[in-house]
Amino acid sequence: MTSSATTPEEYLATLPEDRRAAMQQLRQAIKKHIDKDYEERMSYGMIGYVVPHSIFPAGYHCDPKLPLGYMNIASQKNFIAVYHMGVYGSKELFDWFVAEYPKHTKAKLDMGKSCIRFKKPDQIPFDLIGQLAGKLSVKRWIECYEQMLSAPREKK
């Protein structure tokens, strides 16, 4: 579910109380660990953390008017989601996260390529998500992103 909120605070204010508390805690954990050069803003109707154009003028390759996204958090219909492009773009980071996850929660890992879903807010490993946010500096994320763009694509 995308939101028409224009600020993270406005987004959080629209959430049901149980989701709002979990999303606020998730946001705090991310902000505690994430590289200060990422910018928090609304992105794709979610709270997003992006590389501003002042650091990476090329922006997102599919729409260069948009800054390069790094991660988003959202309250979806049936779950809270963390979208982290680093786990999609870095096998090393993906492997680290999958290995660490069971050490932080008893909940089964529900994960797609870049999406981590939490059906129960009380099972979110907030500190682990914060650590994940801090794993890639802006500089390292840009390097990883550029490597993904230059890698040969598999033909279907």
Protein backbone atom coordinates (compact mmCIF):
# COMPACT_ATOMS: atom_id res chain seq x y z
CA MET A 1 0.00 0.00 0.00
CA THR A 2 1.52 3.27 -1.03
CA SER A 3 0.82 6.45 0.86
CA SER A 4 0.25 9.99 -0.32
CA ALA A 5 2.04 11.33 2.78
CA THR A 6 4.72 13.88 1.98
CA THR A 7 6.91 13.35 5.07
CA PRO A 8 7.89 10.33 7.17
CA GLU A 9 6.14 11.92 10.17
CA GLU A 10 2.92 12.32 8.19
CA TYR A 11 3.22 8.71 7.00
CA LEU A 12 3.62 7.40 10.56
CA ALA A 13 0.67 9.48 11.79
CA THR A 14 -1.64 7.66 9.35
CA LEU A 15 -0.81 4.18 10.67
CA PRO A 16 -2.83 2.16 13.20
CA GLU A 17 -1.30 2.40 16.69
CA ASP A 18 0.22 -1.12 16.73
CA ARG A 19 1.88 -0.58 13.36
CA ARG A 20 2.90 2.99 14.19
CA ALA A 21 4.88 1.90 17.26
CA ALA A 22 6.71 -0.82 15.33
CA MET A 23 7.43 1.47 12.38
CA GLN A 24 8.74 4.20 14.70
CA GLN A 25 11.03 1.70 16.39
CA LEU A 26 12.20 0.40 13.00
CA ARG A 27 12.88 3.95 11.82
CA GLN A 28 14.86 4.72 14.99
CA ALA A 29 16.98 1.57 14.59
CA ILE A 30 17.77 2.49 10.98
CA LYS A 31 18.60 6.10 11.78
CA LYS A 32 20.90 4.98 14.62
CA HIS A 33 23.06 2.88 12.27
CA ILE A 34 22.72 4.24 8.71
CA ASP A 35 25.46 6.31 7.05
CA LYS A 36 24.71 10.00 7.65
CA ASP A 37 25.05 10.71 3.90
CA TYR A 38 21.82 8.85 3.11
CA GLU A 39 18.77 11.10 3.04
CA GLU A 40 15.48 10.09 4.64
CA ARG A 41 12.45 11.01 2.53
CA MET A 42 9.21 9.66 1.15
CA SER A 43 10.03 7.36 -1.75
CA TYR A 44 7.49 5.30 -3.70
CA GLY A 45 4.87 6.02 -1.03
CA MET A 46 7.10 4.60 1.73
CA ILE A 47 9.73 5.93 4.10
CA GLY A 48 12.91 5.75 2.08
CA TYR A 49 16.63 6.18 2.49
CA VAL A 50 18.30 7.41 -0.67
CA VAL A 51 21.60 8.68 -2.04
CA PRO A 52 20.89 12.34 -2.83
CA HIS A 53 21.70 13.77 -6.26
CA SER A 54 24.30 16.02 -4.61
CA ILE A 55 26.37 12.86 -3.98
CA PHE A 56 25.31 10.73 -6.97
CA PRO A 57 24.06 13.07 -9.73
CA ALA A 58 23.25 10.19 -12.11
CA GLY A 59 20.37 9.11 -9.87
CA TYR A 60 18.41 5.92 -10.38
CA HIS A 61 19.12 4.49 -13.85
CA CYS A 62 15.45 3.79 -14.67
CA ASP A 63 14.49 7.39 -13.87
CA PRO A 64 17.52 9.67 -13.34
CA LYS A 65 15.25 12.37 -11.86
CA LEU A 66 14.92 10.09 -8.82
CA PRO A 67 17.77 9.70 -6.34
CA LEU A 68 19.41 6.30 -6.00
CA GLY A 69 17.38 4.28 -3.52
CA TYR A 70 19.00 2.20 -0.80
CA MET A 71 16.20 1.02 1.46
CA ASN A 72 12.54 1.60 2.29
CA ILE A 73 10.21 0.64 5.12
CA ALA A 74 6.46 0.34 4.79
CA SER A 75 3.34 -0.82 6.53
CA GLN A 76 1.67 -3.00 3.91
CA LYS A 77 -1.78 -4.59 4.14
CA ASN A 78 -0.67 -7.85 5.79
CA PHE A 79 2.86 -7.13 6.99
CA ILE A 80 5.56 -4.58 7.70
CA ALA A 81 8.18 -4.60 4.96
CA VAL A 82 11.83 -3.67 4.78
CA TYR A 83 13.07 -3.24 1.22
CA HIS A 84 16.87 -3.30 1.15
CA MET A 85 18.56 -3.11 -2.23
CA GLY A 86 21.91 -4.04 -0.71
CA VAL A 87 20.80 -7.59 0.09
CA TYR A 88 19.67 -7.87 -3.52
CA GLY A 89 22.91 -6.49 -4.92
CA SER A 90 25.47 -8.05 -2.60
CA LYS A 91 25.63 -11.81 -2.09
CA GLU A 92 27.99 -11.25 0.83
CA LEU A 93 25.47 -8.98 2.57
CA PHE A 94 22.58 -11.36 1.77
CA ASP A 95 24.53 -14.30 3.23
CA TRP A 96 25.40 -12.29 6.35
CA PHE A 97 21.78 -11.31 6.92
CA VAL A 98 20.42 -14.85 6.43
CA ALA A 99 23.02 -16.23 8.87
CA GLU A 100 22.36 -13.53 11.50
CA TYR A 101 18.55 -13.54 11.30
CA PRO A 102 17.89 -16.65 13.46
CA LYS A 103 20.15 -15.24 16.19
CA HIS A 104 17.77 -12.28 16.62
CA THR A 105 14.25 -13.71 16.34
CA LYS A 106 12.36 -16.99 16.41
CA ALA A 107 10.20 -15.88 13.47
CA LYS A 108 10.78 -17.70 10.19
CA LEU A 109 12.54 -15.53 7.61
CA ASP A 110 10.04 -14.36 4.97
CA MET A 111 12.17 -12.76 2.28
CA GLY A 112 12.10 -12.04 -1.43
CA LYS A 113 14.96 -10.58 -3.49
CA SER A 114 15.06 -7.28 -1.60
CA CYS A 115 11.93 -7.47 0.57
CA ILE A 116 11.89 -8.74 4.15
CA ARG A 117 8.34 -9.20 5.48
CA PHE A 118 7.20 -9.24 9.10
CA LYS A 119 3.61 -10.37 9.76
CA LYS A 120 3.88 -9.78 13.52
CA PRO A 121 5.35 -6.44 14.59
CA ASP A 122 6.60 -7.93 17.87
CA GLN A 123 8.86 -10.33 15.93
CA ILE A 124 10.82 -7.65 14.07
CA PRO A 125 14.54 -7.86 14.95
CA PHE A 126 14.95 -4.09 15.18
CA ASP A 127 18.63 -4.08 16.07
CA LEU A 128 19.46 -6.50 13.24
CA ILE A 129 17.63 -4.28 10.72
CA GLY A 130 19.55 -1.31 12.09
CA GLN A 131 22.81 -3.21 11.63
CA LEU A 132 21.75 -4.11 8.09
CA ALA A 133 21.07 -0.44 7.34
CA GLY A 134 24.58 0.43 8.46
CA LYS A 135 26.39 -2.30 6.52
CA LEU A 136 26.84 -0.28 3.32
CA SER A 137 28.17 3.26 3.33
CA VAL A 138 26.89 5.53 0.57
CA LYS A 139 30.24 5.10 -1.20
CA ARG A 140 30.08 1.30 -0.99
CA TRP A 141 26.41 1.22 -2.10
CA ILE A 142 27.22 3.31 -5.17
CA GLU A 143 30.10 0.94 -6.03
CA CYS A 144 27.83 -2.08 -5.62
CA TYR A 145 25.08 -0.45 -7.70
CA GLU A 146 27.46 0.44 -10.51
CA GLN A 147 28.83 -3.13 -10.52
CA MET A 148 25.27 -4.47 -10.86
CA LEU A 149 24.60 -2.14 -13.79
CA SER A 150 27.78 -3.13 -15.61
CA ALA A 151 27.42 -6.89 -15.01
CA PRO A 152 26.33 -8.92 -18.05
CA ARG A 153 22.70 -9.94 -17.86
CA GLU A 154 21.57 -13.53 -18.21
CA LYS A 155 19.41 -14.20 -21.25
CA LYS A 156 16.11 -15.94 -20.63
